[in-house]
Every structure is written in structure tokens, then in C-alpha cells.
């Protein structure tokens, strides 16, 4: 799984990758939690995901990019991208 996540993180459009378990605790973070400007600290992704009814997939669009959510058996994968170049690959 880590190898797969590392490959996603290497795509030029990918800015952030976060895998959180079903309780919202991070299992994988790119960039690392210490270097990612509060991505883990200030975003309560689990609350947002539960508030949306635990969707299998979601797309959050923002002015400077977007986050894709993919629900997995072990938790939720969030991928932040700056542009749509690798959207098909990520999905």
C-alpha cells in the first residue's frame, strides 16, 4: 500500500496525499505531517466525511485545486491536486 501511495504522490499534479483510518487517525501522509503546513492538524476530515454520510467517493473543488476522497476498507484516502492533469489516474 505504501508503494502505491508513494506512486500517487509522485504525480506532478499531486500536492498532498492522506490516508486516514476509520477513526480519522493518519496512516500515511505526503508530505509528511511535520512538513505539510497543518494539513493534518487543522482539517478534521473524518468529521466532514461522516457529515456527508461516509460516501464511497467525493470531489471537493477549491479555487486553487481540489481534493478527491476514495473510501477504502481500512479508511479514507484523500488526494489533493493543483490541476486536473492526472485525475483519471488518481480516480
C-alpha atoms as a PDB file:
ATOM      1  CA  UNK A   1       0.000   0.000   0.000  1.00  0.00           C
ATOM      2  CA  UNK A   2       2.814   2.421   0.857  1.00  0.00           C
ATOM      3  CA  UNK A   3       4.413   1.824  -2.550  1.00  0.00           C
ATOM      4  CA  UNK A   4       1.072   2.560  -4.238  1.00  0.00           C
ATOM      5  CA  UNK A   5       0.636   5.781  -2.222  1.00  0.00           C
ATOM      6  CA  UNK A   6       4.197   6.848  -2.986  1.00  0.00           C
ATOM      7  CA  UNK A   7       3.490   6.421  -6.721  1.00  0.00           C
ATOM      8  CA  UNK A   8       0.400   8.633  -6.434  1.00  0.00           C
ATOM      9  CA  UNK A   9       2.431  11.242  -4.539  1.00  0.00           C
ATOM     10  CA  UNK A  10       4.985  11.357  -7.400  1.00  0.00           C
ATOM     11  CA  UNK A  11       2.431  12.562  -9.970  1.00  0.00           C
ATOM     12  CA  UNK A  12       3.205  16.176 -10.872  1.00  0.00           C
ATOM     13  CA  UNK A  13      -0.300  17.479 -10.124  1.00  0.00           C
ATOM     14  CA  UNK A  14      -0.482  15.842  -6.668  1.00  0.00           C
ATOM     15  CA  UNK A  15       0.211  18.218  -3.795  1.00  0.00           C
ATOM     16  CA  UNK A  16      -0.980  16.137  -0.821  1.00  0.00           C
ATOM     17  CA  UNK A  17      -1.922  12.543  -0.039  1.00  0.00           C
ATOM     18  CA  UNK A  18      -3.518  11.479   3.231  1.00  0.00           C
ATOM     19  CA  UNK A  19      -4.747   8.050   4.234  1.00  0.00           C
ATOM     20  CA  UNK A  20      -6.759   8.105   7.453  1.00  0.00           C
ATOM     21  CA  UNK A  21      -8.196   5.141   9.307  1.00  0.00           C
ATOM     22  CA  UNK A  22     -11.911   4.869  10.097  1.00  0.00           C
ATOM     23  CA  UNK A  23     -11.400   6.861  13.318  1.00  0.00           C
ATOM     24  CA  UNK A  24      -9.673   9.704  11.447  1.00  0.00           C
ATOM     25  CA  UNK A  25      -6.093   8.955  12.526  1.00  0.00           C
ATOM     26  CA  UNK A  26      -3.465   9.393   9.788  1.00  0.00           C
ATOM     27  CA  UNK A  27      -1.875   6.211   8.417  1.00  0.00           C
ATOM     28  CA  UNK A  28       0.069   7.879   5.595  1.00  0.00           C
ATOM     29  CA  UNK A  29       0.816  11.490   4.786  1.00  0.00           C
ATOM     30  CA  UNK A  30       2.623  13.164   1.893  1.00  0.00           C
ATOM     31  CA  UNK A  31       4.243  15.493   2.500  1.00  0.00           C
ATOM     32  CA  UNK A  32       4.972  14.281   5.990  1.00  0.00           C
ATOM     33  CA  UNK A  33       2.697  15.599   8.747  1.00  0.00           C
ATOM     34  CA  UNK A  34       5.520  17.819  10.045  1.00  0.00           C
ATOM     35  CA  UNK A  35       6.091  19.463   6.654  1.00  0.00           C
ATOM     36  CA  UNK A  36       2.576  19.879   5.299  1.00  0.00           C
ATOM     37  CA  UNK A  37       1.506  23.235   6.772  1.00  0.00           C
ATOM     38  CA  UNK A  38      -1.167  21.892   9.099  1.00  0.00           C
ATOM     39  CA  UNK A  39      -2.942  19.597   6.658  1.00  0.00           C
ATOM     40  CA  UNK A  40      -3.418  17.018   9.422  1.00  0.00           C
ATOM     41  CA  UNK A  41      -3.669  19.471  12.305  1.00  0.00           C
ATOM     42  CA  UNK A  42      -6.370  21.806  11.074  1.00  0.00           C
ATOM     43  CA  UNK A  43      -8.561  19.744   8.772  1.00  0.00           C
ATOM     44  CA  UNK A  44     -10.986  17.468  10.556  1.00  0.00           C
ATOM     45  CA  UNK A  45     -11.553  15.245   7.565  1.00  0.00           C
ATOM     46  CA  UNK A  46     -13.273  12.452   9.480  1.00  0.00           C
ATOM     47  CA  UNK A  47     -15.980  14.808  10.766  1.00  0.00           C
ATOM     48  CA  UNK A  48     -16.541  16.116   7.243  1.00  0.00           C
ATOM     49  CA  UNK A  49     -16.663  12.613   5.781  1.00  0.00           C
ATOM     50  CA  UNK A  50     -19.131  11.400   8.413  1.00  0.00           C
ATOM     51  CA  UNK A  51     -21.221  14.546   7.923  1.00  0.00           C
ATOM     52  CA  UNK A  52     -21.524  13.643   4.250  1.00  0.00           C
ATOM     53  CA  UNK A  53     -22.751  10.147   5.150  1.00  0.00           C
ATOM     54  CA  UNK A  54     -19.444   8.320   4.535  1.00  0.00           C
ATOM     55  CA  UNK A  55     -19.515   8.473   0.723  1.00  0.00           C
ATOM     56  CA  UNK A  56     -17.502   5.984  -1.335  1.00  0.00           C
ATOM     57  CA  UNK A  57     -16.077   8.862  -3.362  1.00  0.00           C
ATOM     58  CA  UNK A  58     -16.246  12.645  -3.280  1.00  0.00           C
ATOM     59  CA  UNK A  59     -14.706  15.572  -5.110  1.00  0.00           C
ATOM     60  CA  UNK A  60     -14.033  18.816  -3.211  1.00  0.00           C
ATOM     61  CA  UNK A  61     -13.269  21.712  -5.561  1.00  0.00           C
ATOM     62  CA  UNK A  62     -11.487  24.833  -4.335  1.00  0.00           C
ATOM     63  CA  UNK A  63     -10.102  27.923  -6.038  1.00  0.00           C
ATOM     64  CA  UNK A  64      -6.518  26.598  -6.032  1.00  0.00           C
ATOM     65  CA  UNK A  65      -7.183  22.912  -6.652  1.00  0.00           C
ATOM     66  CA  UNK A  66      -9.258  20.018  -5.427  1.00  0.00           C
ATOM     67  CA  UNK A  67      -9.306  17.020  -3.127  1.00  0.00           C
ATOM     68  CA  UNK A  68     -10.506  13.597  -4.145  1.00  0.00           C
ATOM     69  CA  UNK A  69     -11.856  11.247  -1.494  1.00  0.00           C
ATOM     70  CA  UNK A  70     -11.873   7.492  -2.011  1.00  0.00           C
ATOM     71  CA  UNK A  71     -13.239   5.208   0.695  1.00  0.00           C
ATOM     72  CA  UNK A  72     -11.210   2.042   1.269  1.00  0.00           C
ATOM     73  CA  UNK A  73     -11.760  -0.906   3.615  1.00  0.00           C
ATOM     74  CA  UNK A  74      -9.133   0.392   6.032  1.00  0.00           C
ATOM     75  CA  UNK A  75     -10.086   4.068   5.883  1.00  0.00           C
ATOM     76  CA  UNK A  76     -10.280   7.057   3.565  1.00  0.00           C
ATOM     77  CA  UNK A  77      -7.762   8.237   1.001  1.00  0.00           C
ATOM     78  CA  UNK A  78      -7.624  11.966   0.256  1.00  0.00           C
ATOM     79  CA  UNK A  79      -5.574  13.233  -2.683  1.00  0.00           C
ATOM     80  CA  UNK A  80      -5.033  16.962  -3.141  1.00  0.00           C
ATOM     81  CA  UNK A  81      -4.209  18.128  -6.653  1.00  0.00           C
ATOM     82  CA  UNK A  82      -3.339  21.509  -8.110  1.00  0.00           C
ATOM     83  CA  UNK A  83      -4.761  20.794 -11.571  1.00  0.00           C
ATOM     84  CA  UNK A  84      -6.636  18.059 -13.412  1.00  0.00           C
ATOM     85  CA  UNK A  85      -3.732  16.553 -15.375  1.00  0.00           C
ATOM     86  CA  UNK A  86      -3.764  13.177 -13.550  1.00  0.00           C
ATOM     87  CA  UNK A  87      -7.432  12.996 -12.498  1.00  0.00           C
ATOM     88  CA  UNK A  88      -8.128   9.787 -14.412  1.00  0.00           C
ATOM     89  CA  UNK A  89      -5.066   8.085 -12.957  1.00  0.00           C
ATOM     90  CA  UNK A  90      -5.999   9.074  -9.406  1.00  0.00           C
ATOM     91  CA  UNK A  91      -9.624   8.037  -9.693  1.00  0.00           C
END
